[in-house]
Amino acid sequence: MELREAIGRRRSIRFMRPYRPVEPEKIQRMLEAARLASHWGNVSTLRAVVVFRDTAPDDVREALTAPVAGFQIRAAPVTIVWYLDTDAIDEQSDRLRELLRAGALGVGENKEKALEEQLLPIFEGIQDLLKAPGLSEVDCGQGIAQATLVAFEQGLGTCCLSGPNMDEIRQRLGLPDACRVILLQTVGYPAESPDAGGQRPRLPFGDLFHMNGYGKPFPRSEEVVAELQRDNMIQEQAPAEWREAELEWLQKALDIKGAGLI
C-alpha cells in the first residue's frame, strides 16, 4: 500500500484476524518510525511495551483488560502499550547539546555560549511544567501516527484505545511512577475490508479550519478535494451498503457476544 493511500485509509481497524500472528519485524518497523519522529528538545519521551498475545505471561495479558477495549484486545495478536516517560525530560540539557553538535540548533560562533547561558537556564526553570500533560503528549502522538502509517503500509490494521484504568495498567506492567500510559494500540491483520466503513463522518471543513483569524473559514478548493478522492485519500462516505452484512459475519466468525461495542 502506497503512503498516500495509507494516509487516506488510516482509520481504525477494530476487527482483527485472531488466528494470524504478526511478524516481530513488522512491529519493529513501527517502533523505528516512532523513534525517528520529531520531539521537542529531542528528549524522546515516547516509549512502548509490546505485548504479543500468544507468548506474553497471563498476568501481562490480563493487565490490558479495560472496559472499552473488550473483544478488540482479546482478538488482537499484538497490543502496543504506548507510554510517556517524564524522567526523559531530566536529560533535556544533554539532548539539546546533542542537537547543537549535530548542527541542528543555533547559528554563529557564539551558539554554544548562547545555549549554556541563555537557553538551558530557561528550560531548567520550567522543567516541572514541561513534565505536566501537554506538549510531550502532542509529540508522542506524532510518533504513534508515524507508527500507524508504517503498520498500514505493511498490510496491518490498528486501533487506538483508551480507558479509565490506565494507571492500573501502568502498575501491572511494572512501569515507573514517572510514566504515563497514553493509549493501547491493537495491531493485527484486518478481518474487515479496508473499504467497509468508508470515510467516517466528519464536521464540515469550514467549521474546523480558519484563515487569518477565527470565524473566517479557510477556503476549500473542490479541485483539491477531487484530487484527494482520486488518490484514495478521501474515501466514499460511510457506510457501504453491504457493511451491516459484513458486521453480522464478523460477529459470528469472531464469536463476539452481544452488541460487540466493548
C-alpha atoms as a PDB file:
ATOM      1  CA  MET A   1       0.000   0.000   0.000  1.00  0.00           C
ATOM      2  CA  GLU A   2       1.428   3.379  -1.017  1.00  0.00           C
ATOM      3  CA  LEU A   3       1.885   6.059   1.644  1.00  0.00           C
ATOM      4  CA  ARG A   4      -0.726   8.383   0.156  1.00  0.00           C
ATOM      5  CA  GLU A   5      -3.320   5.617   0.249  1.00  0.00           C
ATOM      6  CA  ALA A   6      -2.293   4.701   3.792  1.00  0.00           C
ATOM      7  CA  ILE A   7      -2.840   8.304   4.902  1.00  0.00           C
ATOM      8  CA  GLY A   8      -6.287   8.282   3.361  1.00  0.00           C
ATOM      9  CA  ARG A   9      -7.255   4.995   4.982  1.00  0.00           C
ATOM     10  CA  ARG A  10      -5.596   5.117   8.346  1.00  0.00           C
ATOM     11  CA  ARG A  11      -8.897   4.885  10.180  1.00  0.00           C
ATOM     12  CA  SER A  12      -9.275   2.349  12.938  1.00  0.00           C
ATOM     13  CA  ILE A  13      -9.473  -1.349  12.129  1.00  0.00           C
ATOM     14  CA  ARG A  14     -11.350  -2.923  15.028  1.00  0.00           C
ATOM     15  CA  PHE A  15     -11.757  -6.451  13.709  1.00  0.00           C
ATOM     16  CA  MET A  16      -8.507  -8.452  13.510  1.00  0.00           C
ATOM     17  CA  ARG A  17      -7.796 -11.999  12.390  1.00  0.00           C
ATOM     18  CA  PRO A  18      -7.054 -13.618  15.757  1.00  0.00           C
ATOM     19  CA  TYR A  19      -5.534 -16.719  14.155  1.00  0.00           C
ATOM     20  CA  ARG A  20      -2.834 -14.885  12.169  1.00  0.00           C
ATOM     21  CA  PRO A  21       0.219 -13.752  14.170  1.00  0.00           C
ATOM     22  CA  VAL A  22       2.052 -10.518  13.407  1.00  0.00           C
ATOM     23  CA  GLU A  23       5.708 -10.808  12.480  1.00  0.00           C
ATOM     24  CA  PRO A  24       8.030  -9.140  15.046  1.00  0.00           C
ATOM     25  CA  GLU A  25       9.940  -7.389  12.261  1.00  0.00           C
ATOM     26  CA  LYS A  26       6.771  -5.564  11.229  1.00  0.00           C
ATOM     27  CA  ILE A  27       6.322  -4.320  14.776  1.00  0.00           C
ATOM     28  CA  GLN A  28       9.974  -3.257  14.824  1.00  0.00           C
ATOM     29  CA  ARG A  29       9.422  -1.138  11.712  1.00  0.00           C
ATOM     30  CA  MET A  30       6.559   0.596  13.502  1.00  0.00           C
ATOM     31  CA  LEU A  31       8.789   1.272  16.511  1.00  0.00           C
ATOM     32  CA  GLU A  32      11.618   2.536  14.290  1.00  0.00           C
ATOM     33  CA  ALA A  33       9.232   5.058  12.749  1.00  0.00           C
ATOM     34  CA  ALA A  34       8.051   6.195  16.186  1.00  0.00           C
ATOM     35  CA  ARG A  35      11.651   6.568  17.392  1.00  0.00           C
ATOM     36  CA  LEU A  36      12.550   8.866  14.487  1.00  0.00           C
ATOM     37  CA  ALA A  37       9.556  11.175  14.944  1.00  0.00           C
ATOM     38  CA  SER A  38      10.159  14.803  15.850  1.00  0.00           C
ATOM     39  CA  HIS A  39      10.082  15.641  19.557  1.00  0.00           C
ATOM     40  CA  TRP A  40      10.551  18.974  21.296  1.00  0.00           C
ATOM     41  CA  GLY A  41      14.050  19.418  22.663  1.00  0.00           C
ATOM     42  CA  ASN A  42      14.936  15.999  21.208  1.00  0.00           C
ATOM     43  CA  VAL A  43      14.045  14.418  24.561  1.00  0.00           C
ATOM     44  CA  SER A  44      12.070  11.469  23.140  1.00  0.00           C
ATOM     45  CA  THR A  45       9.623  10.778  25.955  1.00  0.00           C
ATOM     46  CA  LEU A  46       7.653   8.237  23.889  1.00  0.00           C
ATOM     47  CA  ARG A  47       8.188   4.616  24.974  1.00  0.00           C
ATOM     48  CA  ALA A  48       6.308   1.348  24.494  1.00  0.00           C
ATOM     49  CA  VAL A  49       5.745  -2.137  25.839  1.00  0.00           C
ATOM     50  CA  VAL A  50       4.794  -4.563  23.060  1.00  0.00           C
ATOM     51  CA  VAL A  51       2.573  -7.425  24.228  1.00  0.00           C
ATOM     52  CA  PHE A  52       2.348 -10.471  21.967  1.00  0.00           C
ATOM     53  CA  ARG A  53      -0.869 -12.225  22.950  1.00  0.00           C
ATOM     54  CA  ASP A  54       0.339 -15.772  22.320  1.00  0.00           C
ATOM     55  CA  THR A  55       3.638 -15.523  24.211  1.00  0.00           C
ATOM     56  CA  ALA A  56       3.040 -12.963  26.961  1.00  0.00           C
ATOM     57  CA  PRO A  57       2.503 -14.219  30.541  1.00  0.00           C
ATOM     58  CA  ASP A  58      -1.097 -14.438  31.700  1.00  0.00           C
ATOM     59  CA  ASP A  59      -0.710 -11.574  34.171  1.00  0.00           C
ATOM     60  CA  VAL A  60       0.601  -9.274  31.431  1.00  0.00           C
ATOM     61  CA  ARG A  61      -2.330 -10.071  29.130  1.00  0.00           C
ATOM     62  CA  GLU A  62      -4.763  -9.573  32.000  1.00  0.00           C
ATOM     63  CA  ALA A  63      -3.213  -6.179  32.710  1.00  0.00           C
ATOM     64  CA  LEU A  64      -4.569  -4.902  29.405  1.00  0.00           C
ATOM     65  CA  THR A  65      -8.196  -5.641  30.248  1.00  0.00           C
ATOM     66  CA  ALA A  66     -10.170  -2.412  30.059  1.00  0.00           C
ATOM     67  CA  PRO A  67     -13.916  -1.632  29.923  1.00  0.00           C
ATOM     68  CA  VAL A  68     -13.673  -0.006  26.494  1.00  0.00           C
ATOM     69  CA  ALA A  69     -11.229  -2.478  24.939  1.00  0.00           C
ATOM     70  CA  GLY A  70     -13.351  -5.620  25.035  1.00  0.00           C
ATOM     71  CA  PHE A  71     -13.172  -8.021  22.124  1.00  0.00           C
ATOM     72  CA  GLN A  72     -10.525  -5.929  20.352  1.00  0.00           C
ATOM     73  CA  ILE A  73      -7.881  -6.680  22.984  1.00  0.00           C
ATOM     74  CA  ARG A  74      -8.842 -10.352  23.084  1.00  0.00           C
ATOM     75  CA  ALA A  75      -8.661 -10.786  19.308  1.00  0.00           C
ATOM     76  CA  ALA A  76      -5.588  -8.715  18.508  1.00  0.00           C
ATOM     77  CA  PRO A  77      -2.347 -10.713  18.160  1.00  0.00           C
ATOM     78  CA  VAL A  78      -0.377  -7.682  19.376  1.00  0.00           C
ATOM     79  CA  THR A  79      -1.150  -4.778  21.684  1.00  0.00           C
ATOM     80  CA  ILE A  80       1.322  -1.913  21.963  1.00  0.00           C
ATOM     81  CA  VAL A  81       1.153  -0.032  25.252  1.00  0.00           C
ATOM     82  CA  TRP A  82       2.422   3.436  24.383  1.00  0.00           C
ATOM     83  CA  TYR A  83       3.565   5.460  27.368  1.00  0.00           C
ATOM     84  CA  LEU A  84       5.366   8.685  28.191  1.00  0.00           C
ATOM     85  CA  ASP A  85       8.436   8.719  30.451  1.00  0.00           C
ATOM     86  CA  THR A  86       8.728  12.117  32.134  1.00  0.00           C
ATOM     87  CA  ASP A  87      12.171  11.218  33.509  1.00  0.00           C
ATOM     88  CA  ALA A  88      13.500  11.734  29.975  1.00  0.00           C
ATOM     89  CA  ILE A  89      12.979  15.466  30.491  1.00  0.00           C
ATOM     90  CA  ASP A  90      15.658  15.411  33.215  1.00  0.00           C
ATOM     91  CA  GLU A  91      18.182  14.771  30.432  1.00  0.00           C
ATOM     92  CA  GLN A  92      16.946  17.589  28.240  1.00  0.00           C
ATOM     93  CA  SER A  93      20.121  19.667  28.546  1.00  0.00           C
ATOM     94  CA  ASP A  94      22.182  16.787  27.149  1.00  0.00           C
ATOM     95  CA  ARG A  95      19.706  16.318  24.303  1.00  0.00           C
ATOM     96  CA  LEU A  96      19.976  19.997  23.347  1.00  0.00           C
ATOM     97  CA  ARG A  97      23.758  19.784  23.389  1.00  0.00           C
ATOM     98  CA  GLU A  98      23.480  16.826  21.014  1.00  0.00           C
ATOM     99  CA  LEU A  99      21.385  18.949  18.663  1.00  0.00           C
ATOM    100  CA  LEU A 100      23.993  21.691  18.781  1.00  0.00           C
ATOM    101  CA  ARG A 101      26.800  19.275  17.895  1.00  0.00           C
ATOM    102  CA  ALA A 102      24.683  17.839  15.071  1.00  0.00           C
ATOM    103  CA  GLY A 103      24.244  21.277  13.532  1.00  0.00           C
ATOM    104  CA  ALA A 104      20.513  21.273  14.239  1.00  0.00           C
ATOM    105  CA  LEU A 105      20.444  24.107  16.769  1.00  0.00           C
ATOM    106  CA  GLY A 106      21.661  27.682  16.572  1.00  0.00           C
ATOM    107  CA  VAL A 107      23.873  29.662  14.191  1.00  0.00           C
ATOM    108  CA  GLY A 108      27.008  31.742  14.564  1.00  0.00           C
ATOM    109  CA  GLU A 109      30.254  31.428  16.529  1.00  0.00           C
ATOM    110  CA  ASN A 110      28.634  32.006  19.934  1.00  0.00           C
ATOM    111  CA  LYS A 111      25.836  29.456  19.675  1.00  0.00           C
ATOM    112  CA  GLU A 112      27.365  27.148  22.316  1.00  0.00           C
ATOM    113  CA  LYS A 113      27.644  30.017  24.788  1.00  0.00           C
ATOM    114  CA  ALA A 114      24.087  31.114  24.000  1.00  0.00           C
ATOM    115  CA  LEU A 115      22.845  27.596  24.662  1.00  0.00           C
ATOM    116  CA  GLU A 116      24.593  27.264  28.038  1.00  0.00           C
ATOM    117  CA  GLU A 117      23.916  30.763  29.324  1.00  0.00           C
ATOM    118  CA  GLN A 118      20.544  31.594  27.833  1.00  0.00           C
ATOM    119  CA  LEU A 119      18.506  28.660  26.589  1.00  0.00           C
ATOM    120  CA  LEU A 120      19.339  25.943  29.118  1.00  0.00           C
ATOM    121  CA  PRO A 121      18.580  28.090  32.194  1.00  0.00           C
ATOM    122  CA  ILE A 122      15.150  28.869  30.744  1.00  0.00           C
ATOM    123  CA  PHE A 123      14.291  25.223  30.193  1.00  0.00           C
ATOM    124  CA  GLU A 124      15.684  24.155  33.553  1.00  0.00           C
ATOM    125  CA  GLY A 125      13.479  26.747  35.227  1.00  0.00           C
ATOM    126  CA  ILE A 126      10.293  25.297  33.738  1.00  0.00           C
ATOM    127  CA  GLN A 127      11.215  21.623  33.958  1.00  0.00           C
ATOM    128  CA  ASP A 128       8.313  20.703  36.236  1.00  0.00           C
ATOM    129  CA  LEU A 129       5.919  22.455  33.881  1.00  0.00           C
ATOM    130  CA  LEU A 130       7.333  20.518  30.934  1.00  0.00           C
ATOM    131  CA  LYS A 131       6.624  17.256  32.755  1.00  0.00           C
ATOM    132  CA  ALA A 132       2.941  18.102  33.070  1.00  0.00           C
ATOM    133  CA  PRO A 133       0.488  16.819  30.437  1.00  0.00           C
ATOM    134  CA  GLY A 134       0.642  18.869  27.276  1.00  0.00           C
ATOM    135  CA  LEU A 135       3.452  19.338  24.778  1.00  0.00           C
ATOM    136  CA  SER A 136       5.016  15.920  25.240  1.00  0.00           C
ATOM    137  CA  GLU A 137       1.699  14.173  24.547  1.00  0.00           C
ATOM    138  CA  VAL A 138       1.448  16.083  21.271  1.00  0.00           C
ATOM    139  CA  ASP A 139       4.869  14.903  20.145  1.00  0.00           C
ATOM    140  CA  CYS A 140       4.217  11.354  21.345  1.00  0.00           C
ATOM    141  CA  GLY A 141       1.125  11.458  19.155  1.00  0.00           C
ATOM    142  CA  GLN A 142       3.309  12.251  16.166  1.00  0.00           C
ATOM    143  CA  GLY A 143       5.397   9.172  16.864  1.00  0.00           C
ATOM    144  CA  ILE A 144       2.324   6.960  17.215  1.00  0.00           C
ATOM    145  CA  ALA A 145       0.903   8.382  13.970  1.00  0.00           C
ATOM    146  CA  GLN A 146       4.105   7.525  12.123  1.00  0.00           C
ATOM    147  CA  ALA A 147       3.995   4.001  13.536  1.00  0.00           C
ATOM    148  CA  THR A 148       0.381   3.706  12.388  1.00  0.00           C
ATOM    149  CA  LEU A 149       1.242   4.682   8.823  1.00  0.00           C
ATOM    150  CA  VAL A 150       4.030   2.099   8.736  1.00  0.00           C
ATOM    151  CA  ALA A 151       1.600  -0.530  10.017  1.00  0.00           C
ATOM    152  CA  PHE A 152      -0.830   0.177   7.198  1.00  0.00           C
ATOM    153  CA  GLU A 153       1.953   0.144   4.621  1.00  0.00           C
ATOM    154  CA  GLN A 154       2.734  -3.403   5.781  1.00  0.00           C
ATOM    155  CA  GLY A 155      -0.835  -4.599   5.400  1.00  0.00           C
ATOM    156  CA  LEU A 156      -1.685  -4.377   9.102  1.00  0.00           C
ATOM    157  CA  GLY A 157      -4.619  -2.762  10.841  1.00  0.00           C
ATOM    158  CA  THR A 158      -4.527  -0.879  14.128  1.00  0.00           C
ATOM    159  CA  CYS A 159      -6.915   0.669  16.594  1.00  0.00           C
ATOM    160  CA  CYS A 160      -6.039   3.102  19.393  1.00  0.00           C
ATOM    161  CA  LEU A 161      -7.884   2.534  22.667  1.00  0.00           C
ATOM    162  CA  SER A 162      -8.127   4.277  25.996  1.00  0.00           C
ATOM    163  CA  GLY A 163      -9.916   3.638  29.255  1.00  0.00           C
ATOM    164  CA  PRO A 164     -10.368   4.659  32.877  1.00  0.00           C
ATOM    165  CA  ASN A 165      -7.737   2.316  34.320  1.00  0.00           C
ATOM    166  CA  MET A 166      -4.559   3.453  32.572  1.00  0.00           C
ATOM    167  CA  ASP A 167      -2.769   3.952  35.881  1.00  0.00           C
ATOM    168  CA  GLU A 168      -3.641   0.385  36.878  1.00  0.00           C
ATOM    169  CA  ILE A 169      -2.199  -0.840  33.576  1.00  0.00           C
ATOM    170  CA  ARG A 170       0.972   1.140  34.315  1.00  0.00           C
ATOM    171  CA  GLN A 171       1.305  -0.517  37.706  1.00  0.00           C
ATOM    172  CA  ARG A 172       0.588  -4.043  36.500  1.00  0.00           C
ATOM    173  CA  LEU A 173       3.150  -3.725  33.703  1.00  0.00           C
ATOM    174  CA  GLY A 174       5.727  -2.538  36.228  1.00  0.00           C
ATOM    175  CA  LEU A 175       6.245   0.886  34.686  1.00  0.00           C
ATOM    176  CA  PRO A 176       7.908   3.507  36.923  1.00  0.00           C
ATOM    177  CA  ASP A 177       5.808   6.162  38.654  1.00  0.00           C
ATOM    178  CA  ALA A 178       7.262   8.788  36.328  1.00  0.00           C
ATOM    179  CA  CYS A 179       5.489   7.173  33.366  1.00  0.00           C
ATOM    180  CA  ARG A 180       2.011   7.882  31.989  1.00  0.00           C
ATOM    181  CA  VAL A 181       0.221   5.377  29.772  1.00  0.00           C
ATOM    182  CA  ILE A 182      -1.032   7.256  26.719  1.00  0.00           C
ATOM    183  CA  LEU A 183      -3.032   4.592  24.923  1.00  0.00           C
ATOM    184  CA  LEU A 184      -3.226   0.963  23.849  1.00  0.00           C
ATOM    185  CA  GLN A 185      -2.849   0.196  20.144  1.00  0.00           C
ATOM    186  CA  THR A 186      -4.085  -3.150  18.888  1.00  0.00           C
ATOM    187  CA  VAL A 187      -2.239  -4.477  15.834  1.00  0.00           C
ATOM    188  CA  GLY A 188      -3.152  -7.341  13.526  1.00  0.00           C
ATOM    189  CA  TYR A 189      -4.202  -8.402  10.070  1.00  0.00           C
ATOM    190  CA  PRO A 190      -7.608  -6.932   9.248  1.00  0.00           C
ATOM    191  CA  ALA A 191     -10.612  -9.235   9.283  1.00  0.00           C
ATOM    192  CA  GLU A 192     -12.758  -6.467   7.798  1.00  0.00           C
ATOM    193  CA  SER A 193     -12.416  -4.834   4.420  1.00  0.00           C
ATOM    194  CA  PRO A 194     -10.425  -1.554   4.428  1.00  0.00           C
ATOM    195  CA  ASP A 195     -13.279  -0.065   2.388  1.00  0.00           C
ATOM    196  CA  ALA A 196     -16.025  -1.438   4.603  1.00  0.00           C
ATOM    197  CA  GLY A 197     -16.677   1.516   6.845  1.00  0.00           C
ATOM    198  CA  GLY A 198     -15.935   4.122   4.227  1.00  0.00           C
ATOM    199  CA  GLN A 199     -14.922   7.634   5.197  1.00  0.00           C
ATOM    200  CA  ARG A 200     -16.159   8.283   8.735  1.00  0.00           C
ATOM    201  CA  PRO A 201     -18.497  11.246   9.248  1.00  0.00           C
ATOM    202  CA  ARG A 202     -16.576  14.428   9.982  1.00  0.00           C
ATOM    203  CA  LEU A 203     -17.564  18.003  10.760  1.00  0.00           C
ATOM    204  CA  PRO A 204     -17.586  20.421   7.837  1.00  0.00           C
ATOM    205  CA  PHE A 205     -14.144  21.649   6.724  1.00  0.00           C
ATOM    206  CA  GLY A 206     -15.124  25.289   7.172  1.00  0.00           C
ATOM    207  CA  ASP A 207     -16.174  24.715  10.802  1.00  0.00           C
ATOM    208  CA  LEU A 208     -12.746  23.360  11.727  1.00  0.00           C
ATOM    209  CA  PHE A 209     -10.159  25.490   9.945  1.00  0.00           C
ATOM    210  CA  HIS A 210      -9.777  29.241   9.792  1.00  0.00           C
ATOM    211  CA  MET A 211      -7.652  31.741   7.844  1.00  0.00           C
ATOM    212  CA  ASN A 212      -6.107  34.883   9.307  1.00  0.00           C
ATOM    213  CA  GLY A 213      -8.455  34.864  12.283  1.00  0.00           C
ATOM    214  CA  TYR A 214     -11.259  32.964  13.961  1.00  0.00           C
ATOM    215  CA  GLY A 215     -14.565  32.881  12.129  1.00  0.00           C
ATOM    216  CA  LYS A 216     -13.012  33.246   8.686  1.00  0.00           C
ATOM    217  CA  PRO A 217     -13.216  29.765   7.150  1.00  0.00           C
ATOM    218  CA  PHE A 218     -10.175  28.524   5.267  1.00  0.00           C
ATOM    219  CA  PRO A 219     -11.233  28.427   1.595  1.00  0.00           C
ATOM    220  CA  ARG A 220     -11.793  24.854   0.429  1.00  0.00           C
ATOM    221  CA  SER A 221     -10.942  24.096  -3.168  1.00  0.00           C
ATOM    222  CA  GLU A 222     -13.190  21.456  -4.694  1.00  0.00           C
ATOM    223  CA  GLU A 223     -10.398  20.700  -7.182  1.00  0.00           C
ATOM    224  CA  VAL A 224      -8.160  19.688  -4.280  1.00  0.00           C
ATOM    225  CA  VAL A 225     -10.962  17.546  -2.834  1.00  0.00           C
ATOM    226  CA  ALA A 226     -11.391  15.799  -6.200  1.00  0.00           C
ATOM    227  CA  GLU A 227      -7.628  15.205  -6.390  1.00  0.00           C
ATOM    228  CA  LEU A 228      -7.591  13.611  -2.930  1.00  0.00           C
ATOM    229  CA  GLN A 229     -10.545  11.421  -3.868  1.00  0.00           C
ATOM    230  CA  ARG A 230      -8.735  10.221  -6.998  1.00  0.00           C
ATOM    231  CA  ASP A 231      -5.702   9.325  -4.858  1.00  0.00           C
ATOM    232  CA  ASN A 232      -7.867   7.362  -2.378  1.00  0.00           C
ATOM    233  CA  MET A 233      -7.028   9.830   0.388  1.00  0.00           C
ATOM    234  CA  ILE A 234     -10.737  10.565   0.802  1.00  0.00           C
ATOM    235  CA  GLN A 235     -12.964   7.502   0.580  1.00  0.00           C
ATOM    236  CA  GLU A 236     -16.624   7.232  -0.238  1.00  0.00           C
ATOM    237  CA  GLN A 237     -18.796   8.363   2.642  1.00  0.00           C
ATOM    238  CA  ALA A 238     -19.762   5.710   5.181  1.00  0.00           C
ATOM    239  CA  PRO A 239     -21.491   3.354   5.316  1.00  0.00           C
ATOM    240  CA  ALA A 240     -21.058   0.947   2.407  1.00  0.00           C
ATOM    241  CA  GLU A 241     -24.407  -0.627   1.538  1.00  0.00           C
ATOM    242  CA  TRP A 242     -23.092  -4.094   2.494  1.00  0.00           C
ATOM    243  CA  ARG A 243     -21.495  -3.019   5.784  1.00  0.00           C
ATOM    244  CA  GLU A 244     -24.196  -4.424   8.076  1.00  0.00           C
ATOM    245  CA  ALA A 245     -23.934  -7.819   6.376  1.00  0.00           C
ATOM    246  CA  GLU A 246     -20.187  -7.801   6.954  1.00  0.00           C
ATOM    247  CA  LEU A 247     -20.665  -6.889  10.624  1.00  0.00           C
ATOM    248  CA  GLU A 248     -23.052  -9.809  11.073  1.00  0.00           C
ATOM    249  CA  TRP A 249     -20.480 -12.156   9.519  1.00  0.00           C
ATOM    250  CA  LEU A 250     -17.678 -10.756  11.700  1.00  0.00           C
ATOM    251  CA  GLN A 251     -19.755 -11.177  14.854  1.00  0.00           C
ATOM    252  CA  LYS A 252     -20.295 -14.856  14.098  1.00  0.00           C
ATOM    253  CA  ALA A 253     -16.754 -15.532  12.870  1.00  0.00           C
ATOM    254  CA  LEU A 254     -15.102 -13.886  15.881  1.00  0.00           C
ATOM    255  CA  ASP A 255     -17.705 -15.099  18.389  1.00  0.00           C
ATOM    256  CA  ILE A 256     -18.457 -11.589  19.617  1.00  0.00           C
ATOM    257  CA  LYS A 257     -21.157 -11.603  22.260  1.00  0.00           C
ATOM    258  CA  GLY A 258     -23.899  -9.011  22.471  1.00  0.00           C
ATOM    259  CA  ALA A 259     -23.552  -5.759  20.564  1.00  0.00           C
ATOM    260  CA  GLY A 260     -19.783  -6.028  20.429  1.00  0.00           C
ATOM    261  CA  LEU A 261     -19.269  -2.410  21.383  1.00  0.00           C
ATOM    262  CA  ILE A 262     -16.886  -3.168  24.253  1.00  0.00           C
END
